[in-house]
Amino acid sequence: NVDNYFTECSGFASAPHFRDNLVWNLDV
């Protein structure tokens, strides 16, 4: 009966690869 909210995640300059970041953000 308690709702869940996801409220923070950041991208990082140390992970510059567009495709890998696209997949990770959508997947996770």
mmCIF file of all heavy atoms, coordinates in Angstrom:
data_MODEL
# 
_entry.id   MODEL 
# 
loop_
_atom_site.group_PDB 
_atom_site.id 
_atom_site.type_symbol 
_atom_site.label_atom_id 
_atom_site.label_alt_id 
_atom_site.label_comp_id 
_atom_site.label_asym_id 
_atom_site.label_entity_id 
_atom_site.label_seq_id 
_atom_site.pdbx_PDB_ins_code 
_atom_site.Cartn_x 
_atom_site.Cartn_y 
_atom_site.Cartn_z 
_atom_site.occupancy 
_atom_site.B_iso_or_equiv 
_atom_site.pdbx_formal_charge 
_atom_site.auth_seq_id 
_atom_site.auth_comp_id 
_atom_site.auth_asym_id 
_atom_site.auth_atom_id 
_atom_site.pdbx_PDB_model_num 
ATOM 1   N N   . ASN A 1 1  ? 0.810  -1.217 0.000   1.00 0.00 ? 1  ASN A N   1 
ATOM 2   C CA  . ASN A 1 1  ? 0.000  0.000  0.000   1.00 0.00 ? 1  ASN A CA  1 
ATOM 3   C C   . ASN A 1 1  ? 0.848  1.275  0.000   1.00 0.00 ? 1  ASN A C   1 
ATOM 4   O O   . ASN A 1 1  ? 0.300  2.379  0.101   1.00 0.00 ? 1  ASN A O   1 
ATOM 5   C CB  . ASN A 1 1  ? -0.931 0.007  1.211   1.00 0.00 ? 1  ASN A CB  1 
ATOM 6   C CG  . ASN A 1 1  ? -1.938 -1.127 1.163   1.00 0.00 ? 1  ASN A CG  1 
ATOM 7   O OD1 . ASN A 1 1  ? -2.472 -1.448 0.101   1.00 0.00 ? 1  ASN A OD1 1 
ATOM 8   N ND2 . ASN A 1 1  ? -2.187 -1.753 2.300   1.00 0.00 ? 1  ASN A ND2 1 
ATOM 9   N N   . VAL A 1 2  ? 2.156  1.126  -0.120  1.00 0.00 ? 2  VAL A N   1 
ATOM 10  C CA  . VAL A 1 2  ? 3.065  2.272  -0.141  1.00 0.00 ? 2  VAL A CA  1 
ATOM 11  C C   . VAL A 1 2  ? 3.616  2.436  -1.560  1.00 0.00 ? 2  VAL A C   1 
ATOM 12  O O   . VAL A 1 2  ? 4.160  1.488  -2.135  1.00 0.00 ? 2  VAL A O   1 
ATOM 13  C CB  . VAL A 1 2  ? 4.224  2.083  0.860   1.00 0.00 ? 2  VAL A CB  1 
ATOM 14  C CG1 . VAL A 1 2  ? 5.186  3.269  0.795   1.00 0.00 ? 2  VAL A CG1 1 
ATOM 15  C CG2 . VAL A 1 2  ? 3.682  1.914  2.274   1.00 0.00 ? 2  VAL A CG2 1 
ATOM 16  N N   . ASP A 1 3  ? 3.481  3.619  -2.131  1.00 0.00 ? 3  ASP A N   1 
ATOM 17  C CA  . ASP A 1 3  ? 3.957  3.861  -3.484  1.00 0.00 ? 3  ASP A CA  1 
ATOM 18  C C   . ASP A 1 3  ? 5.476  3.958  -3.532  1.00 0.00 ? 3  ASP A C   1 
ATOM 19  O O   . ASP A 1 3  ? 6.127  4.337  -2.552  1.00 0.00 ? 3  ASP A O   1 
ATOM 20  C CB  . ASP A 1 3  ? 3.354  5.157  -4.048  1.00 0.00 ? 3  ASP A CB  1 
ATOM 21  C CG  . ASP A 1 3  ? 1.870  5.024  -4.349  1.00 0.00 ? 3  ASP A CG  1 
ATOM 22  O OD1 . ASP A 1 3  ? 1.420  3.891  -4.605  1.00 0.00 ? 3  ASP A OD1 1 
ATOM 23  O OD2 . ASP A 1 3  ? 1.168  6.048  -4.340  1.00 0.00 ? 3  ASP A OD2 1 
ATOM 24  N N   . ASN A 1 4  ? 6.042  3.639  -4.703  1.00 0.00 ? 4  ASN A N   1 
ATOM 25  C CA  . ASN A 1 4  ? 7.473  3.769  -4.940  1.00 0.00 ? 4  ASN A CA  1 
ATOM 26  C C   . ASN A 1 4  ? 7.719  4.812  -6.017  1.00 0.00 ? 4  ASN A C   1 
ATOM 27  O O   . ASN A 1 4  ? 7.016  4.852  -7.032  1.00 0.00 ? 4  ASN A O   1 
ATOM 28  C CB  . ASN A 1 4  ? 8.064  2.430  -5.392  1.00 0.00 ? 4  ASN A CB  1 
ATOM 29  C CG  . ASN A 1 4  ? 8.133  1.416  -4.270  1.00 0.00 ? 4  ASN A CG  1 
ATOM 30  O OD1 . ASN A 1 4  ? 9.074  1.399  -3.491  1.00 0.00 ? 4  ASN A OD1 1 
ATOM 31  N ND2 . ASN A 1 4  ? 7.120  0.558  -4.178  1.00 0.00 ? 4  ASN A ND2 1 
ATOM 32  N N   . TYR A 1 5  ? 8.721  5.650  -5.801  1.00 0.00 ? 5  TYR A N   1 
ATOM 33  C CA  . TYR A 1 5  ? 9.104  6.686  -6.758  1.00 0.00 ? 5  TYR A CA  1 
ATOM 34  C C   . TYR A 1 5  ? 10.610 6.594  -6.986  1.00 0.00 ? 5  TYR A C   1 
ATOM 35  O O   . TYR A 1 5  ? 11.378 6.423  -6.034  1.00 0.00 ? 5  TYR A O   1 
ATOM 36  C CB  . TYR A 1 5  ? 8.775  8.085  -6.231  1.00 0.00 ? 5  TYR A CB  1 
ATOM 37  C CG  . TYR A 1 5  ? 7.308  8.359  -6.023  1.00 0.00 ? 5  TYR A CG  1 
ATOM 38  C CD1 . TYR A 1 5  ? 6.641  7.883  -4.889  1.00 0.00 ? 5  TYR A CD1 1 
ATOM 39  C CD2 . TYR A 1 5  ? 6.581  9.109  -6.941  1.00 0.00 ? 5  TYR A CD2 1 
ATOM 40  C CE1 . TYR A 1 5  ? 5.291  8.142  -4.687  1.00 0.00 ? 5  TYR A CE1 1 
ATOM 41  C CE2 . TYR A 1 5  ? 5.232  9.370  -6.747  1.00 0.00 ? 5  TYR A CE2 1 
ATOM 42  C CZ  . TYR A 1 5  ? 4.603  8.888  -5.623  1.00 0.00 ? 5  TYR A CZ  1 
ATOM 43  O OH  . TYR A 1 5  ? 3.261  9.149  -5.427  1.00 0.00 ? 5  TYR A OH  1 
ATOM 44  N N   . PHE A 1 6  ? 11.017 6.722  -8.246  1.00 0.00 ? 6  PHE A N   1 
ATOM 45  C CA  . PHE A 1 6  ? 12.445 6.817  -8.521  1.00 0.00 ? 6  PHE A CA  1 
ATOM 46  C C   . PHE A 1 6  ? 12.772 8.291  -8.736  1.00 0.00 ? 6  PHE A C   1 
ATOM 47  O O   . PHE A 1 6  ? 12.225 8.922  -9.644  1.00 0.00 ? 6  PHE A O   1 
ATOM 48  C CB  . PHE A 1 6  ? 12.846 6.001  -9.748  1.00 0.00 ? 6  PHE A CB  1 
ATOM 49  C CG  . PHE A 1 6  ? 14.320 6.025  -9.983  1.00 0.00 ? 6  PHE A CG  1 
ATOM 50  C CD1 . PHE A 1 6  ? 15.147 5.144  -9.308  1.00 0.00 ? 6  PHE A CD1 1 
ATOM 51  C CD2 . PHE A 1 6  ? 14.886 6.964  -10.817 1.00 0.00 ? 6  PHE A CD2 1 
ATOM 52  C CE1 . PHE A 1 6  ? 16.524 5.200  -9.472  1.00 0.00 ? 6  PHE A CE1 1 
ATOM 53  C CE2 . PHE A 1 6  ? 16.250 7.033  -10.987 1.00 0.00 ? 6  PHE A CE2 1 
ATOM 54  C CZ  . PHE A 1 6  ? 17.074 6.147  -10.318 1.00 0.00 ? 6  PHE A CZ  1 
ATOM 55  N N   . THR A 1 7  ? 13.681 8.843  -7.912  1.00 0.00 ? 7  THR A N   1 
ATOM 56  C CA  . THR A 1 7  ? 13.834 10.292 -7.863  1.00 0.00 ? 7  THR A CA  1 
ATOM 57  C C   . THR A 1 7  ? 15.215 10.820 -8.237  1.00 0.00 ? 7  THR A C   1 
ATOM 58  O O   . THR A 1 7  ? 15.385 12.035 -8.314  1.00 0.00 ? 7  THR A O   1 
ATOM 59  C CB  . THR A 1 7  ? 13.489 10.813 -6.447  1.00 0.00 ? 7  THR A CB  1 
ATOM 60  O OG1 . THR A 1 7  ? 14.238 10.068 -5.472  1.00 0.00 ? 7  THR A OG1 1 
ATOM 61  C CG2 . THR A 1 7  ? 12.000 10.670 -6.171  1.00 0.00 ? 7  THR A CG2 1 
ATOM 62  N N   . GLU A 1 8  ? 16.209 9.944  -8.455  1.00 0.00 ? 8  GLU A N   1 
ATOM 63  C CA  . GLU A 1 8  ? 17.497 10.496 -8.890  1.00 0.00 ? 8  GLU A CA  1 
ATOM 64  C C   . GLU A 1 8  ? 18.417 9.473  -9.500  1.00 0.00 ? 8  GLU A C   1 
ATOM 65  O O   . GLU A 1 8  ? 18.627 8.388  -8.954  1.00 0.00 ? 8  GLU A O   1 
ATOM 66  C CB  . GLU A 1 8  ? 18.243 11.157 -7.722  1.00 0.00 ? 8  GLU A CB  1 
ATOM 67  C CG  . GLU A 1 8  ? 19.554 11.806 -8.191  1.00 0.00 ? 8  GLU A CG  1 
ATOM 68  C CD  . GLU A 1 8  ? 20.404 12.364 -7.067  1.00 0.00 ? 8  GLU A CD  1 
ATOM 69  O OE1 . GLU A 1 8  ? 19.829 12.888 -6.095  1.00 0.00 ? 8  GLU A OE1 1 
ATOM 70  O OE2 . GLU A 1 8  ? 21.640 12.276 -7.158  1.00 0.00 ? 8  GLU A OE2 1 
ATOM 71  N N   . CYS A 1 9  ? 18.975 9.854  -10.663 1.00 0.00 ? 9  CYS A N   1 
ATOM 72  C CA  . CYS A 1 9  ? 20.133 9.184  -11.242 1.00 0.00 ? 9  CYS A CA  1 
ATOM 73  C C   . CYS A 1 9  ? 20.793 10.186 -12.181 1.00 0.00 ? 9  CYS A C   1 
ATOM 74  O O   . CYS A 1 9  ? 20.100 10.960 -12.855 1.00 0.00 ? 9  CYS A O   1 
ATOM 75  C CB  . CYS A 1 9  ? 19.745 7.921  -12.012 1.00 0.00 ? 9  CYS A CB  1 
ATOM 76  S SG  . CYS A 1 9  ? 21.147 6.814  -12.315 1.00 0.00 ? 9  CYS A SG  1 
ATOM 77  N N   . SER A 1 10 ? 22.103 10.192 -12.229 1.00 0.00 ? 10 SER A N   1 
ATOM 78  C CA  . SER A 1 10 ? 22.831 11.138 -13.077 1.00 0.00 ? 10 SER A CA  1 
ATOM 79  C C   . SER A 1 10 ? 23.654 10.400 -14.114 1.00 0.00 ? 10 SER A C   1 
ATOM 80  O O   . SER A 1 10 ? 24.200 9.319  -13.847 1.00 0.00 ? 10 SER A O   1 
ATOM 81  C CB  . SER A 1 10 ? 23.762 12.008 -12.230 1.00 0.00 ? 10 SER A CB  1 
ATOM 82  O OG  . SER A 1 10 ? 24.541 12.860 -13.058 1.00 0.00 ? 10 SER A OG  1 
ATOM 83  N N   . GLY A 1 11 ? 23.768 11.008 -15.297 1.00 0.00 ? 11 GLY A N   1 
ATOM 84  C CA  . GLY A 1 11 ? 24.777 10.577 -16.244 1.00 0.00 ? 11 GLY A CA  1 
ATOM 85  C C   . GLY A 1 11 ? 26.125 11.153 -15.833 1.00 0.00 ? 11 GLY A C   1 
ATOM 86  O O   . GLY A 1 11 ? 26.191 12.131 -15.094 1.00 0.00 ? 11 GLY A O   1 
ATOM 87  N N   . PHE A 1 12 ? 27.212 10.540 -16.327 1.00 0.00 ? 12 PHE A N   1 
ATOM 88  C CA  . PHE A 1 12 ? 28.548 10.983 -15.946 1.00 0.00 ? 12 PHE A CA  1 
ATOM 89  C C   . PHE A 1 12 ? 29.423 11.153 -17.183 1.00 0.00 ? 12 PHE A C   1 
ATOM 90  O O   . PHE A 1 12 ? 29.358 10.349 -18.118 1.00 0.00 ? 12 PHE A O   1 
ATOM 91  C CB  . PHE A 1 12 ? 29.195 9.985  -14.985 1.00 0.00 ? 12 PHE A CB  1 
ATOM 92  C CG  . PHE A 1 12 ? 28.512 9.904  -13.651 1.00 0.00 ? 12 PHE A CG  1 
ATOM 93  C CD1 . PHE A 1 12 ? 27.556 8.930  -13.403 1.00 0.00 ? 12 PHE A CD1 1 
ATOM 94  C CD2 . PHE A 1 12 ? 28.806 10.816 -12.650 1.00 0.00 ? 12 PHE A CD2 1 
ATOM 95  C CE1 . PHE A 1 12 ? 26.918 8.857  -12.178 1.00 0.00 ? 12 PHE A CE1 1 
ATOM 96  C CE2 . PHE A 1 12 ? 28.171 10.755 -11.422 1.00 0.00 ? 12 PHE A CE2 1 
ATOM 97  C CZ  . PHE A 1 12 ? 27.223 9.781  -11.180 1.00 0.00 ? 12 PHE A CZ  1 
ATOM 98  N N   . ALA A 1 13 ? 30.241 12.207 -17.148 1.00 0.00 ? 13 ALA A N   1 
ATOM 99  C CA  . ALA A 1 13 ? 31.151 12.460 -18.267 1.00 0.00 ? 13 ALA A CA  1 
ATOM 100 C C   . ALA A 1 13 ? 32.138 11.319 -18.461 1.00 0.00 ? 13 ALA A C   1 
ATOM 101 O O   . ALA A 1 13 ? 32.656 11.110 -19.567 1.00 0.00 ? 13 ALA A O   1 
ATOM 102 C CB  . ALA A 1 13 ? 31.903 13.774 -18.029 1.00 0.00 ? 13 ALA A CB  1 
ATOM 103 N N   . SER A 1 14 ? 32.394 10.556 -17.408 1.00 0.00 ? 14 SER A N   1 
ATOM 104 C CA  . SER A 1 14 ? 33.303 9.414  -17.501 1.00 0.00 ? 14 SER A CA  1 
ATOM 105 C C   . SER A 1 14 ? 32.703 8.254  -18.293 1.00 0.00 ? 14 SER A C   1 
ATOM 106 O O   . SER A 1 14 ? 33.400 7.275  -18.583 1.00 0.00 ? 14 SER A O   1 
ATOM 107 C CB  . SER A 1 14 ? 33.692 8.944  -16.101 1.00 0.00 ? 14 SER A CB  1 
ATOM 108 O OG  . SER A 1 14 ? 32.537 8.639  -15.326 1.00 0.00 ? 14 SER A OG  1 
ATOM 109 N N   . ALA A 1 15 ? 31.416 8.343  -18.616 1.00 0.00 ? 15 ALA A N   1 
ATOM 110 C CA  . ALA A 1 15 ? 30.747 7.333  -19.452 1.00 0.00 ? 15 ALA A CA  1 
ATOM 111 C C   . ALA A 1 15 ? 30.211 8.043  -20.695 1.00 0.00 ? 15 ALA A C   1 
ATOM 112 O O   . ALA A 1 15 ? 29.042 8.409  -20.760 1.00 0.00 ? 15 ALA A O   1 
ATOM 113 C CB  . ALA A 1 15 ? 29.619 6.652  -18.678 1.00 0.00 ? 15 ALA A CB  1 
ATOM 114 N N   . PRO A 1 16 ? 31.057 8.268  -21.709 1.00 0.00 ? 16 PRO A N   1 
ATOM 115 C CA  . PRO A 1 16 ? 30.693 9.135  -22.829 1.00 0.00 ? 16 PRO A CA  1 
ATOM 116 C C   . PRO A 1 16 ? 29.993 8.444  -23.999 1.00 0.00 ? 16 PRO A C   1 
ATOM 117 O O   . PRO A 1 16 ? 29.541 9.125  -24.925 1.00 0.00 ? 16 PRO A O   1 
ATOM 118 C CB  . PRO A 1 16 ? 32.048 9.681  -23.284 1.00 0.00 ? 16 PRO A CB  1 
ATOM 119 C CG  . PRO A 1 16 ? 32.996 8.549  -23.004 1.00 0.00 ? 16 PRO A CG  1 
ATOM 120 C CD  . PRO A 1 16 ? 32.476 7.868  -21.760 1.00 0.00 ? 16 PRO A CD  1 
ATOM 121 N N   . HIS A 1 17 ? 29.891 7.118  -23.996 1.00 0.00 ? 17 HIS A N   1 
ATOM 122 C CA  . HIS A 1 17 ? 29.414 6.412  -25.183 1.00 0.00 ? 17 HIS A CA  1 
ATOM 123 C C   . HIS A 1 17 ? 27.885 6.463  -25.274 1.00 0.00 ? 17 HIS A C   1 
ATOM 124 O O   . HIS A 1 17 ? 27.182 5.929  -24.415 1.00 0.00 ? 17 HIS A O   1 
ATOM 125 C CB  . HIS A 1 17 ? 29.903 4.969  -25.177 1.00 0.00 ? 17 HIS A CB  1 
ATOM 126 C CG  . HIS A 1 17 ? 31.401 4.857  -25.156 1.00 0.00 ? 17 HIS A CG  1 
ATOM 127 N ND1 . HIS A 1 17 ? 32.196 5.292  -26.199 1.00 0.00 ? 17 HIS A ND1 1 
ATOM 128 C CD2 . HIS A 1 17 ? 32.246 4.397  -24.202 1.00 0.00 ? 17 HIS A CD2 1 
ATOM 129 C CE1 . HIS A 1 17 ? 33.465 5.091  -25.900 1.00 0.00 ? 17 HIS A CE1 1 
ATOM 130 N NE2 . HIS A 1 17 ? 33.531 4.549  -24.687 1.00 0.00 ? 17 HIS A NE2 1 
ATOM 131 N N   . PHE A 1 18 ? 27.395 7.067  -26.352 1.00 0.00 ? 18 PHE A N   1 
ATOM 132 C CA  . PHE A 1 18 ? 25.959 7.331  -26.512 1.00 0.00 ? 18 PHE A CA  1 
ATOM 133 C C   . PHE A 1 18 ? 25.146 6.034  -26.453 1.00 0.00 ? 18 PHE A C   1 
ATOM 134 O O   . PHE A 1 18 ? 24.178 5.941  -25.693 1.00 0.00 ? 18 PHE A O   1 
ATOM 135 C CB  . PHE A 1 18 ? 25.712 8.048  -27.846 1.00 0.00 ? 18 PHE A CB  1 
ATOM 136 C CG  . PHE A 1 18 ? 24.307 8.539  -28.023 1.00 0.00 ? 18 PHE A CG  1 
ATOM 137 C CD1 . PHE A 1 18 ? 23.981 9.862  -27.782 1.00 0.00 ? 18 PHE A CD1 1 
ATOM 138 C CD2 . PHE A 1 18 ? 23.288 7.681  -28.437 1.00 0.00 ? 18 PHE A CD2 1 
ATOM 139 C CE1 . PHE A 1 18 ? 22.678 10.324 -27.952 1.00 0.00 ? 18 PHE A CE1 1 
ATOM 140 C CE2 . PHE A 1 18 ? 21.992 8.130  -28.595 1.00 0.00 ? 18 PHE A CE2 1 
ATOM 141 C CZ  . PHE A 1 18 ? 21.683 9.455  -28.351 1.00 0.00 ? 18 PHE A CZ  1 
ATOM 142 N N   . ARG A 1 19 ? 25.520 5.042  -27.253 1.00 0.00 ? 19 ARG A N   1 
ATOM 143 C CA  . ARG A 1 19 ? 24.712 3.818  -27.320 1.00 0.00 ? 19 ARG A CA  1 
ATOM 144 C C   . ARG A 1 19 ? 24.676 3.085  -25.989 1.00 0.00 ? 19 ARG A C   1 
ATOM 145 O O   . ARG A 1 19 ? 23.632 2.592  -25.565 1.00 0.00 ? 19 ARG A O   1 
ATOM 146 C CB  . ARG A 1 19 ? 25.240 2.898  -28.419 1.00 0.00 ? 19 ARG A CB  1 
ATOM 147 C CG  . ARG A 1 19 ? 25.000 3.387  -29.825 1.00 0.00 ? 19 ARG A CG  1 
ATOM 148 C CD  . ARG A 1 19 ? 24.924 2.253  -30.809 1.00 0.00 ? 19 ARG A CD  1 
ATOM 149 N NE  . ARG A 1 19 ? 26.063 1.348  -30.709 1.00 0.00 ? 19 ARG A NE  1 
ATOM 150 C CZ  . ARG A 1 19 ? 26.156 0.189  -31.361 1.00 0.00 ? 19 ARG A CZ  1 
ATOM 151 N NH1 . ARG A 1 19 ? 25.163 -0.217 -32.130 1.00 0.00 ? 19 ARG A NH1 1 
ATOM 152 N NH2 . ARG A 1 19 ? 27.216 -0.569 -31.239 1.00 0.00 ? 19 ARG A NH2 1 
ATOM 153 N N   . ASP A 1 20 ? 25.832 3.000  -25.322 1.00 0.00 ? 20 ASP A N   1 
ATOM 154 C CA  . ASP A 1 20 ? 25.866 2.297  -24.028 1.00 0.00 ? 20 ASP A CA  1 
ATOM 155 C C   . ASP A 1 20 ? 24.999 3.018  -22.996 1.00 0.00 ? 20 ASP A C   1 
ATOM 156 O O   . ASP A 1 20 ? 24.296 2.376  -22.202 1.00 0.00 ? 20 ASP A O   1 
ATOM 157 C CB  . ASP A 1 20 ? 27.300 2.200  -23.522 1.00 0.00 ? 20 ASP A CB  1 
ATOM 158 C CG  . ASP A 1 20 ? 28.150 1.257  -24.366 1.00 0.00 ? 20 ASP A CG  1 
ATOM 159 O OD1 . ASP A 1 20 ? 27.565 0.454  -25.117 1.00 0.00 ? 20 ASP A OD1 1 
ATOM 160 O OD2 . ASP A 1 20 ? 29.391 1.340  -24.274 1.00 0.00 ? 20 ASP A OD2 1 
ATOM 161 N N   . ASN A 1 21 ? 25.053 4.346  -22.996 1.00 0.00 ? 21 ASN A N   1 
ATOM 162 C CA  . ASN A 1 21 ? 24.232 5.116  -22.055 1.00 0.00 ? 21 ASN A CA  1 
ATOM 163 C C   . ASN A 1 21 ? 22.749 5.008  -22.383 1.00 0.00 ? 21 ASN A C   1 
ATOM 164 O O   . ASN A 1 21 ? 21.904 4.954  -21.483 1.00 0.00 ? 21 ASN A O   1 
ATOM 165 C CB  . ASN A 1 21 ? 24.659 6.589  -22.072 1.00 0.00 ? 21 ASN A CB  1 
ATOM 166 C CG  . ASN A 1 21 ? 26.026 6.799  -21.449 1.00 0.00 ? 21 ASN A CG  1 
ATOM 167 O OD1 . ASN A 1 21 ? 26.370 6.153  -20.469 1.00 0.00 ? 21 ASN A OD1 1 
ATOM 168 N ND2 . ASN A 1 21 ? 26.814 7.695  -22.013 1.00 0.00 ? 21 ASN A ND2 1 
ATOM 169 N N   . LEU A 1 22 ? 22.430 4.990  -23.670 1.00 0.00 ? 22 LEU A N   1 
ATOM 170 C CA  . LEU A 1 22 ? 21.041 4.817  -24.095 1.00 0.00 ? 22 LEU A CA  1 
ATOM 171 C C   . LEU A 1 22 ? 20.486 3.505  -23.564 1.00 0.00 ? 22 LEU A C   1 
ATOM 172 O O   . LEU A 1 22 ? 19.406 3.461  -22.961 1.00 0.00 ? 22 LEU A O   1 
ATOM 173 C CB  . LEU A 1 22 ? 20.956 4.850  -25.625 1.00 0.00 ? 22 LEU A CB  1 
ATOM 174 C CG  . LEU A 1 22 ? 19.570 4.651  -26.228 1.00 0.00 ? 22 LEU A CG  1 
ATOM 175 C CD1 . LEU A 1 22 ? 18.792 5.961  -26.223 1.00 0.00 ? 22 LEU A CD1 1 
ATOM 176 C CD2 . LEU A 1 22 ? 19.661 4.096  -27.651 1.00 0.00 ? 22 LEU A CD2 1 
ATOM 177 N N   . VAL A 1 23 ? 21.251 2.432  -23.770 1.00 0.00 ? 23 VAL A N   1 
ATOM 178 C CA  . VAL A 1 23 ? 20.803 1.103  -23.344 1.00 0.00 ? 23 VAL A CA  1 
ATOM 179 C C   . VAL A 1 23 ? 20.680 1.033  -21.823 1.00 0.00 ? 23 VAL A C   1 
ATOM 180 O O   . VAL A 1 23 ? 19.679 0.543  -21.294 1.00 0.00 ? 23 VAL A O   1 
ATOM 181 C CB  . VAL A 1 23 ? 21.766 0.015  -23.865 1.00 0.00 ? 23 VAL A CB  1 
ATOM 182 C CG1 . VAL A 1 23 ? 21.452 -1.334 -23.209 1.00 0.00 ? 23 VAL A CG1 1 
ATOM 183 C CG2 . VAL A 1 23 ? 21.674 -0.098 -25.380 1.00 0.00 ? 23 VAL A CG2 1 
ATOM 184 N N   . TRP A 1 24 ? 21.687 1.539  -21.097 1.00 0.00 ? 24 TRP A N   1 
ATOM 185 C CA  . TRP A 1 24 ? 21.656 1.432  -19.636 1.00 0.00 ? 24 TRP A CA  1 
ATOM 186 C C   . TRP A 1 24 ? 20.478 2.197  -19.050 1.00 0.00 ? 24 TRP A C   1 
ATOM 187 O O   . TRP A 1 24 ? 19.749 1.684  -18.186 1.00 0.00 ? 24 TRP A O   1 
ATOM 188 C CB  . TRP A 1 24 ? 22.972 1.962  -19.030 1.00 0.00 ? 24 TRP A CB  1 
ATOM 189 C CG  . TRP A 1 24 ? 23.067 1.672  -17.565 1.00 0.00 ? 24 TRP A CG  1 
ATOM 190 C CD1 . TRP A 1 24 ? 23.615 0.572  -16.975 1.00 0.00 ? 24 TRP A CD1 1 
ATOM 191 C CD2 . TRP A 1 24 ? 22.554 2.486  -16.493 1.00 0.00 ? 24 TRP A CD2 1 
ATOM 192 N NE1 . TRP A 1 24 ? 23.482 0.646  -15.605 1.00 0.00 ? 24 TRP A NE1 1 
ATOM 193 C CE2 . TRP A 1 24 ? 22.842 1.804  -15.275 1.00 0.00 ? 24 TRP A CE2 1 
ATOM 194 C CE3 . TRP A 1 24 ? 21.894 3.705  -16.438 1.00 0.00 ? 24 TRP A CE3 1 
ATOM 195 C CZ2 . TRP A 1 24 ? 22.485 2.321  -14.028 1.00 0.00 ? 24 TRP A CZ2 1 
ATOM 196 C CZ3 . TRP A 1 24 ? 21.534 4.220  -15.185 1.00 0.00 ? 24 TRP A CZ3 1 
ATOM 197 C CH2 . TRP A 1 24 ? 21.828 3.531  -14.009 1.00 0.00 ? 24 TRP A CH2 1 
ATOM 198 N N   . ASN A 1 25 ? 20.273 3.435  -19.482 1.00 0.00 ? 25 ASN A N   1 
ATOM 199 C CA  . ASN A 1 25 ? 19.187 4.251  -18.935 1.00 0.00 ? 25 ASN A CA  1 
ATOM 200 C C   . ASN A 1 25 ? 17.824 3.628  -19.181 1.00 0.00 ? 25 ASN A C   1 
ATOM 201 O O   . ASN A 1 25 ? 16.959 3.604  -18.296 1.00 0.00 ? 25 ASN A O   1 
ATOM 202 C CB  . ASN A 1 25 ? 19.238 5.662  -19.526 1.00 0.00 ? 25 ASN A CB  1 
ATOM 203 C CG  . ASN A 1 25 ? 20.163 6.582  -18.778 1.00 0.00 ? 25 ASN A CG  1 
ATOM 204 O OD1 . ASN A 1 25 ? 19.823 7.120  -17.736 1.00 0.00 ? 25 ASN A OD1 1 
ATOM 205 N ND2 . ASN A 1 25 ? 21.368 6.760  -19.312 1.00 0.00 ? 25 ASN A ND2 1 
ATOM 206 N N   . LEU A 1 26 ? 17.617 3.120  -20.392 1.00 0.00 ? 26 LEU A N   1 
ATOM 207 C CA  . LEU A 1 26 ? 16.329 2.506  -20.696 1.00 0.00 ? 26 LEU A CA  1 
ATOM 208 C C   . LEU A 1 26 ? 16.178 1.171  -19.978 1.00 0.00 ? 26 LEU A C   1 
ATOM 209 O O   . LEU A 1 26 ? 15.123 0.877  -19.397 1.00 0.00 ? 26 LEU A O   1 
ATOM 210 C CB  . LEU A 1 26 ? 16.179 2.323  -22.203 1.00 0.00 ? 26 LEU A CB  1 
ATOM 211 C CG  . LEU A 1 26 ? 15.861 3.610  -22.960 1.00 0.00 ? 26 LEU A CG  1 
ATOM 212 C CD1 . LEU A 1 26 ? 16.238 3.493  -24.418 1.00 0.00 ? 26 LEU A CD1 1 
ATOM 213 C CD2 . LEU A 1 26 ? 14.380 3.945  -22.824 1.00 0.00 ? 26 LEU A CD2 1 
ATOM 214 N N   . ASP A 1 27 ? 17.217 0.366  -19.984 1.00 0.00 ? 27 ASP A N   1 
ATOM 215 C CA  . ASP A 1 27 ? 17.154 -0.964 -19.387 1.00 0.00 ? 27 ASP A CA  1 
ATOM 216 C C   . ASP A 1 27 ? 16.922 -0.894 -17.874 1.00 0.00 ? 27 ASP A C   1 
ATOM 217 O O   . ASP A 1 27 ? 16.024 -1.544 -17.335 1.00 0.00 ? 27 ASP A O   1 
ATOM 218 C CB  . ASP A 1 27 ? 18.454 -1.705 -19.690 1.00 0.00 ? 27 ASP A CB  1 
ATOM 219 C CG  . ASP A 1 27 ? 18.490 -3.110 -19.100 1.00 0.00 ? 27 ASP A CG  1 
ATOM 220 O OD1 . ASP A 1 27 ? 17.415 -3.736 -19.008 1.00 0.00 ? 27 ASP A OD1 1 
ATOM 221 O OD2 . ASP A 1 27 ? 19.581 -3.569 -18.732 1.00 0.00 ? 27 ASP A OD2 1 
ATOM 222 N N   . VAL A 1 28 ? 17.702 -0.063 -17.189 1.00 0.00 ? 28 VAL A N   1 
ATOM 223 C CA  . VAL A 1 28 ? 17.674 -0.030 -15.730 1.00 0.00 ? 28 VAL A CA  1 
ATOM 224 C C   . VAL A 1 28 ? 16.596 0.904  -15.193 1.00 0.00 ? 28 VAL A C   1 
ATOM 225 O O   . VAL A 1 28 ? 15.935 0.590  -14.197 1.00 0.00 ? 28 VAL A O   1 
ATOM 226 C CB  . VAL A 1 28 ? 19.056 0.391  -15.172 1.00 0.00 ? 28 VAL A CB  1 
ATOM 227 C CG1 . VAL A 1 28 ? 19.025 0.544  -13.657 1.00 0.00 ? 28 VAL A CG1 1 
ATOM 228 C CG2 . VAL A 1 28 ? 20.112 -0.630 -15.584 1.00 0.00 ? 28 VAL A CG2 1 
# 
